[in-house]
N, C-alpha and C. Protein backbone atom coordinates (compact mmCIF):
# COMPACT_ATOMS: atom_id res chain seq x y z
N UNK A 1 130.51 93.78 68.90
CA UNK A 1 129.05 94.20 68.43
C UNK A 1 129.00 95.62 68.58
N UNK A 2 128.42 96.22 67.43
CA UNK A 2 128.15 97.65 67.46
C UNK A 2 126.75 97.92 67.91
N UNK A 3 126.56 99.22 68.25
CA UNK A 3 125.22 99.63 68.82
C UNK A 3 124.07 99.53 67.80
N UNK A 4 124.48 99.63 66.54
CA UNK A 4 123.42 99.52 65.47
C UNK A 4 122.86 98.08 65.38
N UNK A 5 123.70 97.09 65.62
CA UNK A 5 123.23 95.74 65.67
C UNK A 5 122.31 95.49 66.74
N UNK A 6 122.56 96.02 67.96
CA UNK A 6 121.66 95.83 69.05
C UNK A 6 120.33 96.65 68.90
N UNK A 7 120.48 97.90 68.37
CA UNK A 7 119.33 98.66 68.06
C UNK A 7 118.35 97.92 67.11
N UNK A 8 118.97 97.34 66.03
CA UNK A 8 118.18 96.62 65.14
C UNK A 8 117.43 95.37 65.74
N UNK A 9 118.19 94.72 66.59
CA UNK A 9 117.58 93.59 67.34
C UNK A 9 116.47 93.94 68.18
N UNK A 10 116.52 95.09 68.89
CA UNK A 10 115.46 95.58 69.72
C UNK A 10 114.24 95.94 68.87
N UNK A 11 114.54 96.54 67.74
CA UNK A 11 113.42 96.82 66.85
C UNK A 11 112.78 95.52 66.35
N UNK A 12 113.53 94.59 65.94
CA UNK A 12 112.90 93.34 65.42
C UNK A 12 112.11 92.67 66.50
N UNK A 13 112.56 92.75 67.80
CA UNK A 13 111.86 92.25 68.91
C UNK A 13 110.57 93.05 69.26
N UNK A 14 110.43 94.16 68.49
CA UNK A 14 109.25 95.06 68.81
C UNK A 14 109.23 95.62 70.19
N UNK A 15 110.40 95.87 70.72
CA UNK A 15 110.55 96.44 72.09
C UNK A 15 110.36 97.92 72.28
N UNK A 16 110.30 98.62 71.11
CA UNK A 16 110.18 100.09 71.19
C UNK A 16 108.71 100.46 70.75
N UNK A 17 108.05 101.16 71.69
CA UNK A 17 106.66 101.56 71.44
C UNK A 17 106.54 103.00 71.42
N UNK A 18 105.68 103.58 70.62
CA UNK A 18 105.45 104.99 70.65
C UNK A 18 104.04 105.37 70.99
N UNK A 19 103.84 106.42 71.80
CA UNK A 19 102.52 106.86 72.34
C UNK A 19 102.74 107.65 73.56
N UNK A 20 101.85 107.62 74.49
CA UNK A 20 101.97 108.31 75.72
C UNK A 20 101.99 107.24 76.89
N UNK A 21 103.10 107.27 77.66
CA UNK A 21 103.42 106.23 78.71
C UNK A 21 103.76 106.86 79.97
N UNK A 22 103.27 106.31 81.07
CA UNK A 22 103.71 106.64 82.37
C UNK A 22 105.06 105.91 82.77
N UNK A 23 106.01 106.56 83.31
CA UNK A 23 107.27 105.99 83.71
C UNK A 23 107.29 105.62 85.08
N UNK A 24 107.99 104.58 85.51
CA UNK A 24 108.16 104.12 86.92
C UNK A 24 108.66 105.16 87.83
N UNK A 25 109.63 106.04 87.36
CA UNK A 25 110.16 107.09 88.14
C UNK A 25 109.40 108.31 88.18
N UNK A 26 108.12 108.32 87.58
CA UNK A 26 107.29 109.44 87.51
C UNK A 26 107.46 110.09 86.17
N UNK A 27 106.50 110.93 85.80
CA UNK A 27 106.48 111.59 84.53
C UNK A 27 105.97 110.71 83.41
N UNK A 28 105.98 111.26 82.22
CA UNK A 28 105.47 110.51 81.05
C UNK A 28 106.49 110.65 79.92
N UNK A 29 106.24 109.75 78.90
CA UNK A 29 107.22 109.75 77.81
C UNK A 29 106.44 109.44 76.52
N UNK A 30 106.97 109.89 75.42
CA UNK A 30 106.37 109.61 74.10
C UNK A 30 106.85 108.22 73.52
N UNK A 31 107.77 107.55 74.25
CA UNK A 31 108.19 106.24 73.85
C UNK A 31 108.34 105.30 75.08
N UNK A 32 108.35 104.12 74.85
CA UNK A 32 108.48 103.05 75.92
C UNK A 32 109.34 101.93 75.35
N UNK A 33 110.23 101.51 76.16
CA UNK A 33 111.07 100.40 75.78
C UNK A 33 110.63 99.21 76.58
N UNK A 34 110.02 98.20 75.98
CA UNK A 34 109.55 97.11 76.68
C UNK A 34 110.64 96.10 76.91
N UNK A 35 111.22 96.23 78.15
CA UNK A 35 112.45 95.42 78.44
C UNK A 35 112.12 93.93 78.43
N UNK A 36 110.93 93.56 78.80
CA UNK A 36 110.55 92.15 78.79
C UNK A 36 110.56 91.54 77.44
N UNK A 37 110.28 92.29 76.45
CA UNK A 37 110.33 91.76 75.06
C UNK A 37 111.71 91.52 74.64
N UNK A 38 112.69 92.36 75.00
CA UNK A 38 114.05 92.03 74.60
C UNK A 38 114.72 91.07 75.54
N UNK A 39 114.31 91.11 76.89
CA UNK A 39 114.97 90.18 77.83
C UNK A 39 114.55 88.77 77.72
N UNK A 40 113.45 88.54 77.06
CA UNK A 40 112.86 87.14 76.84
C UNK A 40 113.09 86.66 75.45
N UNK A 41 113.77 87.50 74.63
CA UNK A 41 114.12 87.10 73.25
C UNK A 41 115.50 86.59 73.30
N UNK A 42 115.68 85.25 73.03
CA UNK A 42 117.02 84.71 73.08
C UNK A 42 118.14 85.43 72.25
N UNK A 43 117.72 85.85 71.06
CA UNK A 43 118.73 86.57 70.20
C UNK A 43 119.16 87.84 70.82
N UNK A 44 118.14 88.60 71.32
CA UNK A 44 118.52 89.93 71.96
C UNK A 44 119.38 89.66 73.20
N UNK A 45 118.96 88.76 73.96
CA UNK A 45 119.63 88.49 75.26
C UNK A 45 121.08 88.08 74.96
N UNK A 46 121.29 87.24 74.02
CA UNK A 46 122.60 86.82 73.59
C UNK A 46 123.51 87.96 73.16
N UNK A 47 122.87 88.86 72.33
CA UNK A 47 123.68 90.01 71.91
C UNK A 47 124.02 90.96 73.09
N UNK A 48 123.08 91.09 74.04
CA UNK A 48 123.29 91.94 75.16
C UNK A 48 124.42 91.37 76.04
N UNK A 49 124.35 90.03 76.30
CA UNK A 49 125.34 89.43 77.14
C UNK A 49 126.76 89.49 76.49
N UNK A 50 126.79 89.29 75.16
CA UNK A 50 128.06 89.40 74.42
C UNK A 50 128.62 90.82 74.51
N UNK A 51 127.76 91.82 74.41
CA UNK A 51 128.20 93.20 74.43
C UNK A 51 128.62 93.60 75.79
N UNK A 52 127.94 93.22 76.84
CA UNK A 52 128.38 93.47 78.21
C UNK A 52 129.69 92.78 78.52
N UNK A 53 129.80 91.48 78.04
CA UNK A 53 131.11 90.77 78.26
C UNK A 53 132.22 91.47 77.57
N UNK A 54 132.03 91.89 76.34
CA UNK A 54 133.11 92.64 75.62
C UNK A 54 133.65 93.83 76.43
N UNK A 55 132.79 94.56 77.06
CA UNK A 55 133.07 95.76 77.78
C UNK A 55 133.62 95.42 79.21
N UNK A 56 133.23 94.28 79.72
CA UNK A 56 133.59 93.97 81.17
C UNK A 56 134.85 93.17 81.21
N UNK A 57 135.04 92.30 80.17
CA UNK A 57 136.22 91.37 80.19
C UNK A 57 137.47 92.19 80.36
N UNK A 58 138.30 91.78 81.33
CA UNK A 58 139.52 92.65 81.60
C UNK A 58 140.66 92.38 80.51
N UNK A 59 141.25 93.49 80.18
CA UNK A 59 142.41 93.46 79.29
C UNK A 59 143.68 93.03 80.11
N UNK A 60 143.71 93.66 81.30
CA UNK A 60 144.85 93.32 82.21
C UNK A 60 144.36 93.20 83.66
N UNK A 61 144.45 91.99 84.18
CA UNK A 61 144.00 91.84 85.61
C UNK A 61 142.53 91.80 85.79
N UNK A 62 142.05 91.36 86.93
CA UNK A 62 140.64 91.28 87.17
C UNK A 62 140.05 92.71 87.32
N UNK A 63 139.01 92.95 86.59
CA UNK A 63 138.25 94.21 86.62
C UNK A 63 137.03 94.08 87.60
N UNK A 64 136.55 92.86 87.76
CA UNK A 64 135.44 92.57 88.65
C UNK A 64 135.52 91.13 89.19
N UNK A 65 134.95 90.91 90.32
CA UNK A 65 134.92 89.58 90.83
C UNK A 65 133.46 88.93 90.80
N UNK A 66 132.52 89.87 90.58
CA UNK A 66 131.12 89.45 90.58
C UNK A 66 130.31 90.44 89.83
N UNK A 67 129.21 90.01 89.28
CA UNK A 67 128.26 90.84 88.70
C UNK A 67 126.99 90.87 89.55
N UNK A 68 126.18 91.96 89.41
CA UNK A 68 124.91 92.01 90.14
C UNK A 68 123.78 92.44 89.23
N UNK A 69 122.66 91.71 89.27
CA UNK A 69 121.51 92.11 88.57
C UNK A 69 120.47 92.77 89.48
N UNK A 70 119.93 93.93 89.04
CA UNK A 70 118.88 94.61 89.80
C UNK A 70 117.56 93.91 89.51
N UNK A 71 116.86 93.39 90.62
CA UNK A 71 115.66 92.71 90.45
C UNK A 71 114.60 93.67 89.87
N UNK A 72 113.92 93.35 88.96
CA UNK A 72 113.73 92.10 88.35
C UNK A 72 114.34 92.13 86.91
N UNK A 73 114.45 93.28 86.32
CA UNK A 73 114.87 93.40 84.94
C UNK A 73 116.33 93.05 84.66
N UNK A 74 117.20 93.29 85.71
CA UNK A 74 118.57 93.04 85.55
C UNK A 74 119.01 91.64 85.76
N UNK A 75 118.10 90.74 86.27
CA UNK A 75 118.39 89.36 86.57
C UNK A 75 118.76 88.52 85.29
N UNK A 76 117.89 88.57 84.24
CA UNK A 76 118.25 87.82 83.04
C UNK A 76 119.51 88.35 82.41
N UNK A 77 119.78 89.62 82.50
CA UNK A 77 120.98 90.19 81.97
C UNK A 77 122.23 89.70 82.69
N UNK A 78 122.20 89.70 84.07
CA UNK A 78 123.29 89.18 84.92
C UNK A 78 123.42 87.71 84.65
N UNK A 79 122.35 87.00 84.52
CA UNK A 79 122.50 85.49 84.26
C UNK A 79 123.19 85.24 82.99
N UNK A 80 122.75 85.86 81.91
CA UNK A 80 123.36 85.54 80.60
C UNK A 80 124.78 86.03 80.57
N UNK A 81 125.10 87.18 81.14
CA UNK A 81 126.51 87.75 81.13
C UNK A 81 127.35 86.92 82.09
N UNK A 82 126.88 86.44 83.11
CA UNK A 82 127.57 85.58 84.07
C UNK A 82 128.05 84.34 83.34
N UNK A 83 127.19 83.75 82.58
CA UNK A 83 127.57 82.54 81.79
C UNK A 83 128.62 82.84 80.72
N UNK A 84 128.41 84.06 80.09
CA UNK A 84 129.34 84.45 79.01
C UNK A 84 130.72 84.72 79.55
N UNK A 85 130.87 85.29 80.71
CA UNK A 85 132.08 85.66 81.42
C UNK A 85 132.73 84.58 82.32
N UNK A 86 131.76 83.62 82.81
CA UNK A 86 132.24 82.66 83.78
C UNK A 86 132.42 83.28 85.16
N UNK A 87 131.60 84.38 85.37
CA UNK A 87 131.66 85.07 86.67
C UNK A 87 130.38 84.86 87.49
N UNK A 88 130.52 84.73 88.84
CA UNK A 88 129.35 84.59 89.60
C UNK A 88 128.53 85.93 89.69
N UNK A 89 127.26 85.86 90.07
CA UNK A 89 126.46 87.08 90.14
C UNK A 89 125.58 86.98 91.37
N UNK A 90 125.08 88.14 91.83
CA UNK A 90 124.15 88.17 92.87
C UNK A 90 122.89 88.99 92.36
N UNK A 91 121.86 88.88 93.03
CA UNK A 91 120.65 89.62 92.66
C UNK A 91 120.43 90.65 93.82
N UNK A 92 120.29 91.95 93.49
CA UNK A 92 120.04 93.04 94.42
C UNK A 92 118.61 93.46 94.44
N UNK A 93 117.88 93.33 95.51
CA UNK A 93 116.46 93.67 95.62
C UNK A 93 116.39 95.06 96.19
N UNK A 94 115.29 95.80 95.79
CA UNK A 94 114.98 97.09 96.42
C UNK A 94 114.59 96.94 97.88
N UNK A 95 113.96 95.86 98.26
CA UNK A 95 113.57 95.67 99.65
C UNK A 95 113.86 94.16 100.10
N UNK A 96 114.00 94.01 101.38
CA UNK A 96 114.20 92.69 101.90
C UNK A 96 112.94 91.95 101.67
N UNK A 97 113.17 90.63 101.39
CA UNK A 97 111.98 89.74 101.19
C UNK A 97 111.27 89.62 102.47
N UNK A 98 109.93 89.49 102.47
CA UNK A 98 109.17 89.31 103.72
C UNK A 98 109.03 87.85 104.10
N UNK A 99 109.66 86.91 103.37
CA UNK A 99 109.58 85.53 103.63
C UNK A 99 111.02 84.88 103.49
N UNK A 100 111.12 83.57 103.81
CA UNK A 100 112.33 82.84 103.66
C UNK A 100 113.32 83.50 104.59
N UNK A 101 114.53 83.79 104.01
CA UNK A 101 115.64 84.33 104.77
C UNK A 101 115.58 85.93 104.98
N UNK A 102 114.61 86.46 104.24
CA UNK A 102 114.44 87.91 104.25
C UNK A 102 115.61 88.62 103.66
N UNK A 103 116.33 88.04 102.63
CA UNK A 103 117.44 88.61 102.04
C UNK A 103 117.14 89.77 101.12
N UNK A 104 118.02 90.73 101.10
CA UNK A 104 117.99 91.84 100.08
C UNK A 104 118.94 91.58 98.98
N UNK A 105 119.96 90.74 99.25
CA UNK A 105 120.90 90.35 98.25
C UNK A 105 120.78 88.74 98.18
N UNK A 106 120.58 88.30 96.94
CA UNK A 106 120.48 86.83 96.76
C UNK A 106 121.79 86.35 96.10
N UNK A 107 122.35 85.29 96.66
CA UNK A 107 123.58 84.75 96.09
C UNK A 107 124.73 85.12 97.08
N UNK A 108 125.86 84.53 96.83
CA UNK A 108 127.07 84.76 97.63
C UNK A 108 127.76 86.02 97.33
N UNK A 109 127.97 86.95 98.33
CA UNK A 109 128.73 88.11 98.11
C UNK A 109 129.73 88.23 99.24
N UNK A 110 131.07 88.37 98.84
CA UNK A 110 132.10 88.40 99.83
C UNK A 110 132.49 89.84 100.12
N UNK A 111 132.88 90.18 101.26
CA UNK A 111 133.42 91.50 101.59
C UNK A 111 134.53 91.92 100.60
N UNK A 112 134.46 93.13 100.19
CA UNK A 112 135.44 93.72 99.24
C UNK A 112 135.34 93.12 97.82
N UNK A 113 134.26 92.40 97.48
CA UNK A 113 134.09 91.95 96.09
C UNK A 113 133.95 93.13 95.24
N UNK A 114 134.55 93.16 94.12
CA UNK A 114 134.42 94.22 93.13
C UNK A 114 133.29 93.82 92.20
N UNK A 115 132.17 94.63 92.28
CA UNK A 115 130.91 94.25 91.62
C UNK A 115 130.56 95.32 90.57
N UNK A 116 130.13 94.81 89.42
CA UNK A 116 129.57 95.59 88.39
C UNK A 116 128.08 95.33 88.27
N UNK A 117 127.27 96.38 88.38
CA UNK A 117 125.83 96.23 88.43
C UNK A 117 125.25 96.23 86.98
N UNK A 118 124.39 95.32 86.71
CA UNK A 118 123.78 95.28 85.37
C UNK A 118 122.30 95.62 85.43
N UNK A 119 121.86 96.53 84.58
CA UNK A 119 120.47 97.07 84.63
C UNK A 119 119.90 97.11 83.17
N UNK A 120 118.66 97.03 83.08
CA UNK A 120 118.04 97.11 81.66
C UNK A 120 117.98 98.45 81.15
N UNK A 121 117.18 99.28 81.71
CA UNK A 121 116.95 100.64 81.25
C UNK A 121 117.10 101.63 82.41
N UNK A 122 117.70 102.80 82.19
CA UNK A 122 117.78 103.75 83.21
C UNK A 122 117.28 105.11 82.70
N UNK A 123 116.56 105.80 83.62
CA UNK A 123 116.02 107.12 83.40
C UNK A 123 116.77 108.05 84.28
N UNK A 124 116.39 108.03 85.53
CA UNK A 124 117.11 108.83 86.57
C UNK A 124 118.21 108.15 87.23
N UNK A 125 118.26 106.76 87.12
CA UNK A 125 119.31 106.01 87.74
C UNK A 125 118.87 105.59 89.18
N UNK A 126 117.71 105.90 89.62
CA UNK A 126 117.30 105.59 91.00
C UNK A 126 117.44 104.17 91.38
N UNK A 127 116.89 103.25 90.58
CA UNK A 127 116.96 101.86 90.81
C UNK A 127 118.42 101.33 90.87
N UNK A 128 119.29 101.83 90.04
CA UNK A 128 120.65 101.48 90.10
C UNK A 128 121.33 101.95 91.33
N UNK A 129 120.98 103.22 91.75
CA UNK A 129 121.60 103.82 92.90
C UNK A 129 121.17 103.01 94.13
N UNK A 130 119.94 102.65 94.24
CA UNK A 130 119.44 101.82 95.31
C UNK A 130 120.21 100.49 95.41
N UNK A 131 120.49 99.82 94.20
CA UNK A 131 121.22 98.56 94.20
C UNK A 131 122.68 98.79 94.69
N UNK A 132 123.26 99.86 94.20
CA UNK A 132 124.67 100.17 94.63
C UNK A 132 124.72 100.36 96.07
N UNK A 133 123.75 101.10 96.69
CA UNK A 133 123.77 101.36 98.12
C UNK A 133 123.65 100.00 98.85
N UNK A 134 122.81 99.14 98.46
CA UNK A 134 122.58 97.87 99.17
C UNK A 134 123.86 97.00 99.09
N UNK A 135 124.53 96.99 97.86
CA UNK A 135 125.72 96.25 97.70
C UNK A 135 126.83 96.84 98.56
N UNK A 136 126.95 98.09 98.57
CA UNK A 136 128.04 98.76 99.33
C UNK A 136 127.79 98.52 100.77
N UNK A 137 126.66 98.58 101.27
CA UNK A 137 126.35 98.33 102.69
C UNK A 137 126.73 96.85 103.08
N UNK A 138 126.72 96.00 102.16
CA UNK A 138 127.18 94.62 102.39
C UNK A 138 128.67 94.40 102.22
N UNK A 139 129.37 95.50 101.92
CA UNK A 139 130.74 95.45 101.82
C UNK A 139 131.40 95.40 100.43
N UNK A 140 130.55 95.40 99.41
CA UNK A 140 131.03 95.35 98.02
C UNK A 140 131.62 96.69 97.62
N UNK A 141 132.58 96.64 96.70
CA UNK A 141 133.07 97.80 95.95
C UNK A 141 132.35 97.93 94.64
N UNK A 142 131.57 98.98 94.49
CA UNK A 142 130.80 99.20 93.27
C UNK A 142 131.11 100.57 92.73
N UNK A 143 131.61 100.65 91.51
CA UNK A 143 131.86 101.97 90.83
C UNK A 143 131.44 102.01 89.44
N UNK A 144 130.72 100.98 88.91
CA UNK A 144 130.31 101.00 87.58
C UNK A 144 128.89 100.25 87.51
N UNK A 145 128.02 100.84 86.68
CA UNK A 145 126.76 100.31 86.34
C UNK A 145 126.67 100.23 84.76
N UNK A 146 126.32 99.11 84.28
CA UNK A 146 126.15 98.97 82.88
C UNK A 146 124.68 98.75 82.58
N UNK A 147 124.13 99.51 81.62
CA UNK A 147 122.76 99.41 81.29
C UNK A 147 122.65 99.08 79.72
N UNK A 148 121.48 98.55 79.36
CA UNK A 148 121.27 98.24 78.00
C UNK A 148 120.96 99.65 77.33
N UNK A 149 119.94 100.38 77.84
CA UNK A 149 119.59 101.62 77.28
C UNK A 149 119.60 102.77 78.43
N UNK A 150 120.21 103.79 78.06
CA UNK A 150 120.21 105.02 78.95
C UNK A 150 119.23 105.98 78.26
N UNK A 151 118.09 106.28 78.98
CA UNK A 151 117.11 107.27 78.35
C UNK A 151 117.63 108.68 78.35
N UNK A 152 118.78 108.91 78.91
CA UNK A 152 119.47 110.20 78.91
C UNK A 152 118.60 111.31 79.58
N UNK A 153 118.16 110.93 80.80
CA UNK A 153 117.28 111.78 81.53
C UNK A 153 117.82 112.02 83.01
N UNK A 154 119.13 112.02 83.18
CA UNK A 154 119.73 112.36 84.43
C UNK A 154 120.47 111.24 85.06
N UNK A 155 120.40 109.98 84.66
CA UNK A 155 121.03 108.90 85.28
C UNK A 155 122.57 109.11 85.43
N UNK A 156 123.21 109.55 84.38
CA UNK A 156 124.64 109.74 84.36
C UNK A 156 125.12 110.59 85.50
N UNK A 157 124.49 111.78 85.61
CA UNK A 157 124.87 112.77 86.63
C UNK A 157 124.45 112.24 87.97
N UNK A 158 123.32 111.61 88.14
CA UNK A 158 122.87 111.08 89.43
C UNK A 158 123.81 110.01 89.92
N UNK A 159 124.21 109.11 89.04
CA UNK A 159 125.14 108.05 89.45
C UNK A 159 126.52 108.56 89.82
N UNK A 160 126.99 109.58 88.99
CA UNK A 160 128.29 110.26 89.25
C UNK A 160 128.29 110.83 90.60
N UNK A 161 127.18 111.40 91.08
CA UNK A 161 127.13 111.94 92.39
C UNK A 161 127.35 110.89 93.48
N UNK A 162 127.17 109.71 93.09
CA UNK A 162 127.43 108.48 94.03
C UNK A 162 128.79 107.88 93.75
N UNK A 163 129.59 108.55 92.92
CA UNK A 163 130.90 107.93 92.53
C UNK A 163 130.74 106.67 91.82
N UNK A 164 129.79 106.68 90.84
CA UNK A 164 129.57 105.49 90.02
C UNK A 164 129.47 105.93 88.55
N UNK A 165 130.21 105.19 87.71
CA UNK A 165 130.18 105.58 86.26
C UNK A 165 129.10 104.73 85.55
N UNK A 166 128.25 105.43 84.76
CA UNK A 166 127.30 104.74 83.97
C UNK A 166 127.86 104.49 82.64
N UNK A 167 127.68 103.12 82.17
CA UNK A 167 128.15 102.72 80.85
C UNK A 167 126.91 102.14 80.16
N UNK A 168 126.55 102.62 79.01
CA UNK A 168 125.40 102.08 78.30
C UNK A 168 125.74 101.50 76.97
N UNK A 169 125.02 100.51 76.61
CA UNK A 169 125.13 99.86 75.29
C UNK A 169 124.51 100.79 74.24
N UNK A 170 123.36 101.37 74.61
CA UNK A 170 122.63 102.23 73.72
C UNK A 170 122.14 103.47 74.50
N UNK A 171 121.95 104.59 73.87
CA UNK A 171 121.29 105.71 74.41
C UNK A 171 119.95 105.89 73.71
N UNK A 172 119.07 106.67 74.29
CA UNK A 172 117.73 106.91 73.67
C UNK A 172 117.98 107.62 72.29
N UNK A 173 118.91 108.50 72.24
CA UNK A 173 119.07 109.24 71.03
C UNK A 173 119.58 108.31 69.87
N UNK A 174 120.31 107.23 70.17
CA UNK A 174 120.78 106.34 69.15
C UNK A 174 119.67 105.24 68.88
N UNK A 175 118.87 104.98 69.81
CA UNK A 175 117.86 103.97 69.69
C UNK A 175 116.64 104.35 68.87
N UNK A 176 116.21 105.54 69.11
CA UNK A 176 114.88 105.96 68.50
C UNK A 176 115.08 106.41 67.10
N UNK A 177 113.93 106.26 66.36
CA UNK A 177 113.82 106.74 65.01
C UNK A 177 113.94 108.24 65.07
N UNK A 178 114.49 108.82 64.05
CA UNK A 178 114.65 110.30 64.09
C UNK A 178 113.33 111.04 64.12
N UNK A 179 112.33 110.44 63.58
CA UNK A 179 110.98 111.06 63.55
C UNK A 179 110.28 110.95 64.94
N UNK A 180 110.80 110.19 65.92
CA UNK A 180 110.11 110.03 67.15
C UNK A 180 110.99 110.56 68.31
N UNK A 181 111.98 111.35 68.13
CA UNK A 181 112.85 111.82 69.27
C UNK A 181 112.24 112.99 69.89
């Protein structure tokens, strides 16, 4: 799958909005990518899972033993990609649950599991960094984060500072219409 096919699918799902928007990591933006519109659209979700699987599937030997979805947006991505690859996944939360078992990681994670984190959109990479830290504290080996869209606002450098490589299906510069960049 090429990035143009995914870009077109996100546009058909009407997931790209233009205007003035507050971002979760602070600041404002002239565009917003509504992840819930593309994550709840079966055609988009299937394209994303296939694209992640193409990039994760090992050519030689196991590249990963487990996937991780960052709660909440990374969960449907991890679920669909898990099915596509036949790999188990876990859910990484920002904070421990205040009820039940109080888990910060949901699902089975073994020490030394090689984990690839899946995320929807990254700006500064802070949510992905938090997930990587939680997984590493639990004994996982994490050195890659895959995102659907990199907004190209520092995530690559911030993740690299944590010895993590960011791999994106799309970048903001490829996603947006030239008149709205």
